[in-house]
Each structure stands twice: as structure tokens, then as C-alpha cells.
N, C-alpha and C. Protein backbone atom coordinates (compact mmCIF):
# COMPACT_ATOMS: atom_id res chain seq x y z
N MET A 1 20.21 3.90 -37.95
CA MET A 1 19.83 4.26 -36.59
C MET A 1 20.97 5.01 -35.93
N GLN A 2 20.63 6.07 -35.27
CA GLN A 2 21.62 6.89 -34.62
C GLN A 2 22.02 6.26 -33.28
N LYS A 3 23.32 6.20 -33.02
CA LYS A 3 23.79 5.65 -31.74
C LYS A 3 23.65 6.71 -30.67
N THR A 4 23.35 6.25 -29.47
CA THR A 4 23.24 7.18 -28.35
C THR A 4 24.31 6.85 -27.33
N GLN A 5 24.57 7.80 -26.47
CA GLN A 5 25.51 7.54 -25.39
C GLN A 5 24.78 6.66 -24.37
N THR A 6 25.37 5.55 -24.02
CA THR A 6 24.73 4.64 -23.09
C THR A 6 24.97 5.09 -21.66
N ILE A 7 23.88 5.22 -20.92
CA ILE A 7 23.95 5.59 -19.51
C ILE A 7 23.92 4.30 -18.70
N LYS A 8 24.90 4.12 -17.83
CA LYS A 8 24.87 2.98 -16.93
C LYS A 8 24.65 3.52 -15.52
N SER A 9 23.70 2.94 -14.83
CA SER A 9 23.35 3.46 -13.51
C SER A 9 22.95 2.33 -12.59
N ARG A 10 22.99 2.60 -11.31
CA ARG A 10 22.51 1.64 -10.31
C ARG A 10 21.14 2.04 -9.79
N LYS A 11 20.65 3.21 -10.22
CA LYS A 11 19.31 3.61 -9.77
C LYS A 11 18.58 4.40 -10.84
N LEU A 12 17.30 4.51 -10.65
CA LEU A 12 16.43 5.21 -11.59
C LEU A 12 16.52 6.70 -11.28
N ASN A 13 17.55 7.37 -11.81
CA ASN A 13 17.79 8.78 -11.48
C ASN A 13 17.09 9.72 -12.46
N SER A 14 17.27 11.02 -12.25
CA SER A 14 16.58 12.02 -13.07
C SER A 14 17.02 11.97 -14.54
N LYS A 15 18.27 11.61 -14.79
CA LYS A 15 18.75 11.50 -16.18
C LYS A 15 18.00 10.37 -16.91
N ILE A 16 17.78 9.27 -16.21
CA ILE A 16 17.03 8.13 -16.79
C ILE A 16 15.58 8.56 -17.03
N LYS A 17 14.98 9.25 -16.06
CA LYS A 17 13.59 9.69 -16.20
C LYS A 17 13.43 10.60 -17.42
N GLU A 18 14.33 11.55 -17.58
CA GLU A 18 14.26 12.47 -18.72
C GLU A 18 14.42 11.72 -20.04
N CYS A 19 15.30 10.73 -20.03
CA CYS A 19 15.53 9.93 -21.23
C CYS A 19 14.24 9.20 -21.64
N VAL A 20 13.57 8.59 -20.67
CA VAL A 20 12.32 7.87 -20.95
C VAL A 20 11.25 8.84 -21.44
N LYS A 21 11.12 9.99 -20.78
CA LYS A 21 10.10 10.97 -21.18
C LYS A 21 10.33 11.48 -22.60
N SER A 22 11.59 11.50 -23.04
CA SER A 22 11.88 11.99 -24.39
C SER A 22 11.92 10.86 -25.43
N GLY A 23 11.43 9.68 -25.06
CA GLY A 23 11.31 8.59 -26.03
C GLY A 23 12.43 7.57 -25.99
N GLY A 24 13.33 7.68 -25.00
CA GLY A 24 14.45 6.75 -24.89
C GLY A 24 14.01 5.34 -24.49
N VAL A 25 14.84 4.39 -24.87
CA VAL A 25 14.61 2.97 -24.56
C VAL A 25 15.77 2.48 -23.71
N GLY A 26 15.46 1.68 -22.69
CA GLY A 26 16.52 1.16 -21.82
C GLY A 26 16.14 -0.15 -21.18
N VAL A 27 17.02 -0.62 -20.31
CA VAL A 27 16.79 -1.87 -19.58
C VAL A 27 16.82 -1.58 -18.10
N ILE A 28 15.77 -2.05 -17.39
CA ILE A 28 15.72 -1.97 -15.93
C ILE A 28 15.25 -3.31 -15.39
N LYS A 29 15.52 -3.53 -14.12
CA LYS A 29 14.98 -4.71 -13.44
C LYS A 29 13.57 -4.36 -12.99
N THR A 30 12.61 -5.16 -13.40
CA THR A 30 11.23 -4.93 -12.97
C THR A 30 10.99 -5.75 -11.71
N ASP A 31 9.74 -5.95 -11.37
CA ASP A 31 9.41 -6.76 -10.20
C ASP A 31 9.55 -8.25 -10.48
N THR A 32 9.75 -8.62 -11.74
CA THR A 32 9.88 -10.04 -12.08
C THR A 32 11.23 -10.33 -12.74
N ILE A 33 11.49 -9.71 -13.89
CA ILE A 33 12.73 -9.95 -14.64
C ILE A 33 13.24 -8.60 -15.19
N TYR A 34 14.39 -8.63 -15.86
CA TYR A 34 14.84 -7.42 -16.54
C TYR A 34 13.94 -7.17 -17.74
N GLY A 35 13.55 -5.90 -17.92
CA GLY A 35 12.69 -5.54 -19.03
C GLY A 35 13.33 -4.49 -19.92
N LEU A 36 12.99 -4.56 -21.20
CA LEU A 36 13.38 -3.55 -22.18
C LEU A 36 12.23 -2.55 -22.17
N ILE A 37 12.49 -1.34 -21.67
CA ILE A 37 11.38 -0.44 -21.39
C ILE A 37 11.39 0.83 -22.25
N GLY A 38 10.20 1.38 -22.42
CA GLY A 38 9.99 2.65 -23.09
C GLY A 38 8.55 3.09 -22.85
N SER A 39 8.27 4.34 -23.16
CA SER A 39 6.93 4.88 -22.92
C SER A 39 5.87 4.13 -23.72
N ALA A 40 4.85 3.66 -23.01
CA ALA A 40 3.74 2.96 -23.66
C ALA A 40 2.85 3.94 -24.44
N LEU A 41 2.97 5.23 -24.14
CA LEU A 41 2.13 6.22 -24.80
C LEU A 41 2.83 6.86 -26.00
N ASN A 42 4.01 6.37 -26.33
CA ASN A 42 4.78 6.90 -27.46
C ASN A 42 4.88 5.81 -28.53
N LYS A 43 4.10 5.96 -29.58
CA LYS A 43 4.04 4.94 -30.63
C LYS A 43 5.40 4.67 -31.26
N ARG A 44 6.19 5.69 -31.49
CA ARG A 44 7.51 5.51 -32.11
C ARG A 44 8.44 4.72 -31.19
N THR A 45 8.36 4.98 -29.90
CA THR A 45 9.19 4.23 -28.93
C THR A 45 8.80 2.76 -28.94
N VAL A 46 7.51 2.49 -28.94
CA VAL A 46 7.03 1.10 -28.95
C VAL A 46 7.50 0.39 -30.22
N GLN A 47 7.39 1.06 -31.36
CA GLN A 47 7.84 0.45 -32.62
C GLN A 47 9.34 0.18 -32.57
N ARG A 48 10.09 1.08 -31.96
CA ARG A 48 11.55 0.90 -31.84
C ARG A 48 11.87 -0.33 -30.98
N ILE A 49 11.12 -0.53 -29.92
CA ILE A 49 11.33 -1.70 -29.06
C ILE A 49 11.09 -2.98 -29.85
N TYR A 50 10.05 -3.00 -30.67
CA TYR A 50 9.81 -4.18 -31.52
C TYR A 50 11.03 -4.46 -32.41
N ARG A 51 11.59 -3.40 -33.00
CA ARG A 51 12.75 -3.59 -33.88
C ARG A 51 13.98 -4.06 -33.11
N ILE A 52 14.26 -3.41 -31.98
CA ILE A 52 15.45 -3.75 -31.19
C ILE A 52 15.37 -5.19 -30.69
N LYS A 53 14.20 -5.57 -30.22
CA LYS A 53 14.00 -6.91 -29.65
C LYS A 53 13.84 -7.98 -30.74
N LYS A 54 13.57 -7.52 -31.97
CA LYS A 54 13.27 -8.42 -33.09
C LYS A 54 12.03 -9.26 -32.76
N ARG A 55 11.07 -8.58 -32.16
CA ARG A 55 9.85 -9.23 -31.70
C ARG A 55 8.85 -9.40 -32.83
N ASN A 56 8.15 -10.52 -32.81
CA ASN A 56 7.07 -10.79 -33.75
C ASN A 56 6.07 -9.64 -33.64
N SER A 57 5.81 -8.97 -34.75
CA SER A 57 4.97 -7.77 -34.74
C SER A 57 3.51 -8.05 -34.39
N ALA A 58 3.10 -9.30 -34.39
CA ALA A 58 1.72 -9.64 -34.04
C ALA A 58 1.53 -9.79 -32.53
N LYS A 59 2.64 -9.91 -31.79
CA LYS A 59 2.55 -10.15 -30.34
C LYS A 59 2.50 -8.84 -29.57
N PRO A 60 1.45 -8.61 -28.78
CA PRO A 60 1.37 -7.40 -27.96
C PRO A 60 2.41 -7.41 -26.83
N LEU A 61 2.61 -6.24 -26.23
CA LEU A 61 3.55 -6.09 -25.12
C LEU A 61 2.80 -5.87 -23.81
N ILE A 62 3.44 -6.21 -22.70
CA ILE A 62 2.88 -5.93 -21.38
C ILE A 62 3.18 -4.48 -21.02
N VAL A 63 2.21 -3.82 -20.40
CA VAL A 63 2.36 -2.42 -19.98
C VAL A 63 2.38 -2.36 -18.46
N LEU A 64 3.41 -1.71 -17.90
CA LEU A 64 3.50 -1.49 -16.46
C LEU A 64 2.80 -0.18 -16.12
N ILE A 65 1.98 -0.22 -15.06
CA ILE A 65 1.26 0.98 -14.61
C ILE A 65 1.54 1.22 -13.14
N ALA A 66 1.38 2.48 -12.71
CA ALA A 66 1.61 2.84 -11.31
C ALA A 66 0.36 2.69 -10.47
N SER A 67 -0.81 2.86 -11.09
CA SER A 67 -2.06 2.83 -10.34
C SER A 67 -3.22 2.50 -11.27
N PHE A 68 -4.37 2.27 -10.68
CA PHE A 68 -5.58 2.01 -11.48
C PHE A 68 -5.91 3.21 -12.36
N ALA A 69 -5.58 4.41 -11.90
CA ALA A 69 -5.86 5.63 -12.67
C ALA A 69 -5.17 5.60 -14.03
N ASP A 70 -4.03 4.93 -14.13
CA ASP A 70 -3.31 4.85 -15.41
C ASP A 70 -4.12 4.14 -16.50
N LEU A 71 -5.04 3.28 -16.11
CA LEU A 71 -5.85 2.57 -17.11
C LEU A 71 -6.68 3.54 -17.94
N LYS A 72 -7.08 4.67 -17.34
CA LYS A 72 -7.88 5.66 -18.07
C LYS A 72 -7.10 6.24 -19.24
N LYS A 73 -5.77 6.25 -19.16
CA LYS A 73 -4.94 6.76 -20.26
C LYS A 73 -5.07 5.88 -21.50
N PHE A 74 -5.61 4.68 -21.32
CA PHE A 74 -5.81 3.73 -22.42
C PHE A 74 -7.29 3.53 -22.72
N ASN A 75 -8.11 4.48 -22.26
CA ASN A 75 -9.57 4.45 -22.43
C ASN A 75 -10.19 3.21 -21.80
N ILE A 76 -9.62 2.75 -20.68
CA ILE A 76 -10.15 1.58 -19.98
C ILE A 76 -10.76 2.04 -18.66
N THR A 77 -12.04 1.70 -18.48
CA THR A 77 -12.73 2.01 -17.23
C THR A 77 -13.25 0.68 -16.67
N LEU A 78 -12.93 0.44 -15.42
CA LEU A 78 -13.37 -0.79 -14.76
C LEU A 78 -14.66 -0.56 -14.01
N ASN A 79 -15.54 -1.56 -14.05
CA ASN A 79 -16.71 -1.48 -13.19
C ASN A 79 -16.28 -1.87 -11.77
N PRO A 80 -17.09 -1.58 -10.76
CA PRO A 80 -16.68 -1.86 -9.38
C PRO A 80 -16.28 -3.32 -9.11
N LYS A 81 -16.98 -4.26 -9.73
CA LYS A 81 -16.67 -5.67 -9.51
C LYS A 81 -15.31 -6.04 -10.10
N SER A 82 -15.02 -5.57 -11.31
CA SER A 82 -13.72 -5.83 -11.94
C SER A 82 -12.60 -5.18 -11.14
N HIS A 83 -12.85 -3.96 -10.67
CA HIS A 83 -11.86 -3.25 -9.85
C HIS A 83 -11.55 -4.06 -8.59
N ALA A 84 -12.58 -4.60 -7.96
CA ALA A 84 -12.39 -5.39 -6.75
C ALA A 84 -11.58 -6.66 -7.04
N VAL A 85 -11.87 -7.31 -8.18
CA VAL A 85 -11.13 -8.52 -8.57
C VAL A 85 -9.65 -8.19 -8.75
N LEU A 86 -9.35 -7.11 -9.48
CA LEU A 86 -7.96 -6.73 -9.73
C LEU A 86 -7.25 -6.23 -8.47
N SER A 87 -8.00 -5.64 -7.56
CA SER A 87 -7.41 -5.15 -6.31
C SER A 87 -6.84 -6.28 -5.47
N ARG A 88 -7.33 -7.49 -5.67
CA ARG A 88 -6.80 -8.65 -4.94
C ARG A 88 -5.47 -9.11 -5.53
N LEU A 89 -5.18 -8.74 -6.80
CA LEU A 89 -3.96 -9.17 -7.48
C LEU A 89 -2.88 -8.08 -7.52
N TRP A 90 -3.31 -6.84 -7.56
CA TRP A 90 -2.39 -5.72 -7.73
C TRP A 90 -2.31 -4.88 -6.47
N PRO A 91 -1.15 -4.33 -6.17
CA PRO A 91 0.10 -4.53 -6.88
C PRO A 91 0.67 -5.93 -6.64
N GLY A 92 1.36 -6.45 -7.65
CA GLY A 92 1.96 -7.77 -7.56
C GLY A 92 2.47 -8.25 -8.90
N PRO A 93 3.15 -9.41 -8.91
CA PRO A 93 3.76 -9.93 -10.15
C PRO A 93 2.76 -10.64 -11.05
N VAL A 94 1.64 -9.97 -11.31
CA VAL A 94 0.55 -10.55 -12.08
C VAL A 94 0.17 -9.60 -13.21
N SER A 95 0.20 -10.09 -14.43
CA SER A 95 -0.25 -9.32 -15.58
C SER A 95 -1.65 -9.76 -15.94
N VAL A 96 -2.50 -8.79 -16.25
CA VAL A 96 -3.90 -9.08 -16.57
C VAL A 96 -4.25 -8.45 -17.91
N ILE A 97 -4.79 -9.27 -18.80
CA ILE A 97 -5.21 -8.79 -20.12
C ILE A 97 -6.60 -8.18 -19.97
N LEU A 98 -6.69 -6.90 -20.38
CA LEU A 98 -7.95 -6.17 -20.30
C LEU A 98 -8.39 -5.76 -21.71
N PRO A 99 -9.70 -5.69 -21.96
CA PRO A 99 -10.17 -5.25 -23.27
C PRO A 99 -9.78 -3.79 -23.53
N CYS A 100 -9.31 -3.52 -24.74
CA CYS A 100 -8.94 -2.17 -25.16
C CYS A 100 -9.23 -2.08 -26.66
N ALA A 101 -10.45 -1.73 -26.98
CA ALA A 101 -10.88 -1.74 -28.38
C ALA A 101 -10.45 -0.50 -29.16
N SER A 102 -9.93 0.49 -28.49
CA SER A 102 -9.58 1.75 -29.14
C SER A 102 -8.54 1.56 -30.24
N SER A 103 -8.87 2.04 -31.44
CA SER A 103 -7.92 1.95 -32.55
C SER A 103 -6.70 2.83 -32.30
N ARG A 104 -6.83 3.81 -31.43
CA ARG A 104 -5.71 4.68 -31.08
C ARG A 104 -4.54 3.88 -30.49
N PHE A 105 -4.86 2.74 -29.85
CA PHE A 105 -3.83 1.92 -29.21
C PHE A 105 -3.54 0.63 -29.97
N LYS A 106 -3.86 0.63 -31.27
CA LYS A 106 -3.57 -0.56 -32.08
C LYS A 106 -2.08 -0.88 -32.08
N TYR A 107 -1.22 0.14 -31.99
CA TYR A 107 0.23 -0.08 -31.94
C TYR A 107 0.63 -0.88 -30.70
N LEU A 108 -0.25 -0.91 -29.69
CA LEU A 108 -0.01 -1.71 -28.49
C LEU A 108 -0.73 -3.05 -28.54
N HIS A 109 -2.01 -3.02 -28.88
CA HIS A 109 -2.78 -4.28 -28.84
C HIS A 109 -2.63 -5.11 -30.11
N ARG A 110 -2.02 -4.54 -31.15
CA ARG A 110 -1.69 -5.27 -32.39
C ARG A 110 -2.90 -5.96 -33.00
N GLY A 111 -4.07 -5.33 -32.86
CA GLY A 111 -5.29 -5.88 -33.45
C GLY A 111 -6.05 -6.84 -32.55
N THR A 112 -5.49 -7.18 -31.40
CA THR A 112 -6.18 -8.11 -30.48
C THR A 112 -7.29 -7.42 -29.70
N LYS A 113 -7.26 -6.08 -29.69
CA LYS A 113 -8.22 -5.27 -28.94
C LYS A 113 -8.18 -5.57 -27.45
N SER A 114 -6.98 -5.92 -26.97
CA SER A 114 -6.76 -6.11 -25.54
C SER A 114 -5.28 -5.85 -25.24
N ILE A 115 -5.02 -5.42 -24.00
CA ILE A 115 -3.65 -5.13 -23.57
C ILE A 115 -3.44 -5.76 -22.20
N ALA A 116 -2.25 -6.33 -22.00
CA ALA A 116 -1.89 -6.89 -20.69
C ALA A 116 -1.24 -5.78 -19.86
N PHE A 117 -1.74 -5.59 -18.64
CA PHE A 117 -1.22 -4.59 -17.72
C PHE A 117 -0.70 -5.27 -16.46
N ARG A 118 0.29 -4.65 -15.83
CA ARG A 118 0.79 -5.11 -14.53
C ARG A 118 1.09 -3.90 -13.67
N MET A 119 0.66 -3.96 -12.42
CA MET A 119 0.99 -2.94 -11.44
C MET A 119 2.00 -3.56 -10.48
N PRO A 120 3.29 -3.22 -10.64
CA PRO A 120 4.34 -3.87 -9.84
C PRO A 120 4.20 -3.60 -8.34
N LYS A 121 4.66 -4.56 -7.56
CA LYS A 121 4.61 -4.42 -6.11
C LYS A 121 5.72 -3.50 -5.59
N LEU A 122 6.85 -3.43 -6.31
CA LEU A 122 7.98 -2.62 -5.86
C LEU A 122 7.60 -1.15 -5.80
N ILE A 123 7.69 -0.56 -4.62
CA ILE A 123 7.30 0.83 -4.42
C ILE A 123 8.16 1.78 -5.26
N LYS A 124 9.48 1.53 -5.32
CA LYS A 124 10.36 2.40 -6.11
C LYS A 124 9.99 2.36 -7.58
N LEU A 125 9.65 1.18 -8.08
CA LEU A 125 9.28 1.05 -9.49
C LEU A 125 7.96 1.77 -9.76
N ARG A 126 7.01 1.66 -8.85
CA ARG A 126 5.74 2.39 -9.03
C ARG A 126 5.97 3.89 -8.97
N GLY A 127 6.89 4.33 -8.13
CA GLY A 127 7.24 5.76 -8.08
C GLY A 127 7.82 6.22 -9.40
N PHE A 128 8.69 5.40 -9.98
CA PHE A 128 9.28 5.70 -11.29
C PHE A 128 8.18 5.81 -12.34
N LEU A 129 7.24 4.86 -12.31
CA LEU A 129 6.12 4.87 -13.25
C LEU A 129 5.26 6.13 -13.08
N ARG A 130 5.07 6.57 -11.84
CA ARG A 130 4.30 7.80 -11.60
C ARG A 130 4.99 9.00 -12.25
N SER A 131 6.32 9.00 -12.23
CA SER A 131 7.04 10.16 -12.78
C SER A 131 7.21 10.13 -14.29
N VAL A 132 7.22 8.93 -14.91
CA VAL A 132 7.44 8.86 -16.36
C VAL A 132 6.22 8.38 -17.14
N GLY A 133 5.23 7.82 -16.46
CA GLY A 133 4.05 7.30 -17.14
C GLY A 133 4.17 5.81 -17.40
N PRO A 134 3.11 5.20 -17.90
CA PRO A 134 3.11 3.76 -18.19
C PRO A 134 4.22 3.37 -19.16
N LEU A 135 4.78 2.19 -18.94
CA LEU A 135 5.89 1.70 -19.76
C LEU A 135 5.58 0.34 -20.36
N VAL A 136 5.95 0.15 -21.63
CA VAL A 136 5.98 -1.22 -22.15
C VAL A 136 7.23 -1.85 -21.56
N ALA A 137 7.16 -3.14 -21.27
CA ALA A 137 8.29 -3.78 -20.59
C ALA A 137 8.42 -5.25 -20.95
N PRO A 138 8.67 -5.56 -22.24
CA PRO A 138 8.91 -6.97 -22.56
C PRO A 138 10.24 -7.41 -21.96
N SER A 139 10.43 -8.70 -21.86
CA SER A 139 11.68 -9.22 -21.29
C SER A 139 12.88 -8.71 -22.08
N ALA A 140 13.99 -8.52 -21.36
CA ALA A 140 15.22 -7.98 -21.96
C ALA A 140 15.99 -9.11 -22.64
N ASN A 141 15.61 -9.38 -23.86
CA ASN A 141 16.28 -10.38 -24.68
C ASN A 141 15.82 -10.21 -26.12
N THR A 142 16.58 -10.76 -27.03
CA THR A 142 16.15 -10.82 -28.41
C THR A 142 15.16 -11.97 -28.49
N GLU A 143 14.13 -11.83 -29.30
CA GLU A 143 13.10 -12.87 -29.40
C GLU A 143 13.73 -14.23 -29.69
N GLY A 144 13.27 -15.22 -28.93
CA GLY A 144 13.76 -16.58 -29.12
C GLY A 144 14.89 -16.96 -28.17
N PHE A 145 15.43 -15.98 -27.43
CA PHE A 145 16.50 -16.24 -26.48
C PHE A 145 15.99 -16.06 -25.05
N SER A 146 16.75 -16.55 -24.09
CA SER A 146 16.37 -16.45 -22.68
C SER A 146 16.45 -15.01 -22.19
N PRO A 147 15.53 -14.62 -21.28
CA PRO A 147 15.60 -13.27 -20.71
C PRO A 147 16.93 -13.05 -19.98
N ALA A 148 17.45 -11.82 -20.09
CA ALA A 148 18.70 -11.47 -19.40
C ALA A 148 18.52 -11.60 -17.90
N LYS A 149 19.48 -12.23 -17.23
CA LYS A 149 19.43 -12.39 -15.77
C LYS A 149 20.23 -11.30 -15.07
N ASN A 150 21.01 -10.53 -15.86
CA ASN A 150 21.81 -9.44 -15.30
C ASN A 150 22.09 -8.44 -16.43
N ILE A 151 22.70 -7.31 -16.05
CA ILE A 151 22.97 -6.25 -17.03
C ILE A 151 23.95 -6.70 -18.11
N LYS A 152 24.94 -7.50 -17.74
CA LYS A 152 25.92 -7.96 -18.73
C LYS A 152 25.23 -8.74 -19.84
N GLU A 153 24.29 -9.62 -19.48
CA GLU A 153 23.55 -10.38 -20.49
C GLU A 153 22.70 -9.43 -21.35
N ALA A 154 22.08 -8.43 -20.72
CA ALA A 154 21.26 -7.47 -21.47
C ALA A 154 22.13 -6.70 -22.46
N GLU A 155 23.32 -6.29 -22.01
CA GLU A 155 24.23 -5.57 -22.91
C GLU A 155 24.66 -6.46 -24.08
N GLY A 156 24.77 -7.74 -23.82
CA GLY A 156 25.10 -8.68 -24.89
C GLY A 156 24.02 -8.72 -25.96
N TYR A 157 22.77 -8.56 -25.55
CA TYR A 157 21.66 -8.55 -26.50
C TYR A 157 21.56 -7.22 -27.26
N PHE A 158 21.71 -6.10 -26.55
CA PHE A 158 21.36 -4.81 -27.13
C PHE A 158 22.52 -3.85 -27.36
N GLY A 159 23.65 -4.05 -26.70
CA GLY A 159 24.81 -3.17 -26.90
C GLY A 159 24.47 -1.71 -26.80
N ASN A 160 24.89 -0.92 -27.82
CA ASN A 160 24.63 0.52 -27.84
C ASN A 160 23.33 0.88 -28.55
N ALA A 161 22.49 -0.10 -28.84
CA ALA A 161 21.23 0.17 -29.55
C ALA A 161 20.20 0.84 -28.65
N ILE A 162 20.45 0.84 -27.33
CA ILE A 162 19.52 1.48 -26.40
C ILE A 162 20.25 2.55 -25.61
N ALA A 163 19.48 3.40 -24.94
CA ALA A 163 20.04 4.58 -24.29
C ALA A 163 20.59 4.33 -22.90
N PHE A 164 20.03 3.36 -22.15
CA PHE A 164 20.50 3.20 -20.78
C PHE A 164 20.29 1.78 -20.25
N TYR A 165 21.10 1.46 -19.25
CA TYR A 165 21.00 0.21 -18.49
C TYR A 165 21.01 0.59 -17.01
N VAL A 166 20.05 0.07 -16.25
CA VAL A 166 20.04 0.29 -14.81
C VAL A 166 20.30 -1.06 -14.16
N ASP A 167 21.43 -1.17 -13.47
CA ASP A 167 21.85 -2.44 -12.86
C ASP A 167 21.13 -2.65 -11.53
N GLY A 168 20.25 -3.61 -11.51
CA GLY A 168 19.51 -3.95 -10.29
C GLY A 168 19.97 -5.26 -9.68
N GLY A 169 21.18 -5.72 -10.06
CA GLY A 169 21.67 -7.00 -9.55
C GLY A 169 21.09 -8.16 -10.35
N SER A 170 21.24 -9.34 -9.83
CA SER A 170 20.74 -10.54 -10.51
C SER A 170 19.22 -10.60 -10.46
N ALA A 171 18.64 -11.10 -11.52
CA ALA A 171 17.18 -11.25 -11.59
C ALA A 171 16.87 -12.70 -11.95
N GLY A 172 15.71 -13.13 -11.56
CA GLY A 172 15.26 -14.46 -11.94
C GLY A 172 14.89 -14.46 -13.41
N SER A 173 14.47 -15.58 -13.90
CA SER A 173 14.05 -15.67 -15.30
C SER A 173 12.57 -15.99 -15.39
N ARG A 174 11.87 -15.70 -14.31
CA ARG A 174 10.46 -16.05 -14.24
C ARG A 174 9.58 -14.85 -14.59
N ALA A 175 8.82 -14.98 -15.63
CA ALA A 175 7.91 -13.91 -16.05
C ALA A 175 6.71 -13.86 -15.09
N SER A 176 5.92 -12.81 -15.22
CA SER A 176 4.75 -12.66 -14.36
C SER A 176 3.69 -13.70 -14.70
N LYS A 177 2.81 -13.92 -13.72
CA LYS A 177 1.63 -14.74 -13.99
C LYS A 177 0.77 -13.93 -14.96
N LEU A 178 0.00 -14.63 -15.80
CA LEU A 178 -0.81 -13.93 -16.78
C LEU A 178 -2.26 -14.42 -16.69
N PHE A 179 -3.14 -13.44 -16.53
CA PHE A 179 -4.58 -13.70 -16.46
C PHE A 179 -5.28 -12.88 -17.54
N LYS A 180 -6.50 -13.30 -17.86
CA LYS A 180 -7.34 -12.50 -18.76
C LYS A 180 -8.64 -12.23 -18.03
N LEU A 181 -9.05 -10.97 -18.03
CA LEU A 181 -10.31 -10.60 -17.41
C LEU A 181 -11.40 -10.71 -18.47
N GLU A 182 -12.33 -11.64 -18.26
CA GLU A 182 -13.47 -11.83 -19.16
C GLU A 182 -14.73 -11.53 -18.37
N GLY A 183 -15.34 -10.40 -18.67
CA GLY A 183 -16.46 -9.94 -17.84
C GLY A 183 -15.86 -9.54 -16.50
N ASP A 184 -16.29 -10.22 -15.45
CA ASP A 184 -15.72 -9.99 -14.11
C ASP A 184 -14.99 -11.23 -13.61
N THR A 185 -14.66 -12.14 -14.54
CA THR A 185 -14.02 -13.41 -14.18
C THR A 185 -12.59 -13.44 -14.72
N LEU A 186 -11.67 -13.95 -13.90
CA LEU A 186 -10.29 -14.09 -14.32
C LEU A 186 -10.04 -15.49 -14.87
N LYS A 187 -9.37 -15.55 -16.01
CA LYS A 187 -9.00 -16.82 -16.61
C LYS A 187 -7.47 -16.89 -16.58
N ILE A 188 -6.90 -17.98 -16.04
CA ILE A 188 -5.45 -18.14 -15.96
C ILE A 188 -4.91 -18.56 -17.31
N LEU A 189 -3.91 -17.79 -17.82
CA LEU A 189 -3.25 -18.12 -19.07
C LEU A 189 -1.82 -18.62 -18.85
N ARG A 190 -1.16 -18.11 -17.79
CA ARG A 190 0.20 -18.55 -17.46
C ARG A 190 0.36 -18.44 -15.97
N SER A 191 0.70 -19.57 -15.31
CA SER A 191 0.83 -19.54 -13.85
C SER A 191 2.28 -19.51 -13.43
């Protein structure tokens, strides 16, 4: 694996945006915890995140979106009732598993034919998502270890294996709530 120059920043600047658009992987503070992020629409980037994180290849990743319109990029169309249900939760720290049967996105759904999406409440983060597109964002840690609570911990996990770190200060260790949309009904999987 080729080493990259690590960018350290306090904000999501244009250099970070260009890095993400070109397939780069980095760590940012999301609306819940620090996440190891990369383009959800770039299969090679997603596979790289699995390797860097040492994640079980059967486990799907959560995808951050800027708006309901982003779901169409994954061939997901909501009926009016489902849209209304999700509108009560989003934007917010809630991930919702939606059906996604498309084989084109098997690298994301890992054969489950569903993907968990979250529309963050943070306006700056949604703006970033609008400029770079949907992002996979698993917790910033190696599988089996606690999520990084700050950039120093994230650097301890990933070192120079990733392109950038954006320091957003201390973060909690609490992941998002997780629901599954079945028909037009929400089922709680993690509160």
C-alpha cells in the first residue's frame, strides 16, 4: 500500500473535499462519534476502509447522506408514508436500514440487500456531504476496539494508512440509534 501525506485540519476544507472526491479515506467527527470516512459510491474506497479497519467483510457499513434525494443514488425510492416516517427522525443521530436489493451495491450491503443510512443534524456536515456525496462512516477504530474519542486515538489506530484527520475536539463514544424500516413501520434495533 502506498503511503500518503497525512493532512491534519480543524475544518472540512477544499483540500479535504478534493481528497474524498478522488477516493481518499480519512477521519472526521460526525454527529455522533469519529468516523472513518470515504465515498460510498466508490467501491475501491469502501473495500479499502474494510481493510484499514480490519472489519468483518460480512458486516455492512452506515452511509451518511445530505438529503432524501441522495437515496436515489442507491436506487431507493420511498413511498409518501415511509418518507413521512423518516422525516420525523431525520436529520438526526438515527440510522435507518432501508431495503436495497440492487446487486450494483453489493459492496455496500454485503448480500443483506439493505443499507443503513443516516442524515446528520449538523448543518456543516450535511453541507460537506452535499459537496462530496454520500459517505460510508464506520466508527474510527480497528474492529474489536473502542471508537476513537479524539484525533490522537484515531491516529493511534490508523497512523499514515489514511489521507487525512479533521480534529473536531472530543467526541462521545455513543453510536447512532439504529432502526429498520419494514414496510412503513420502524423496528428498533439499537437504542
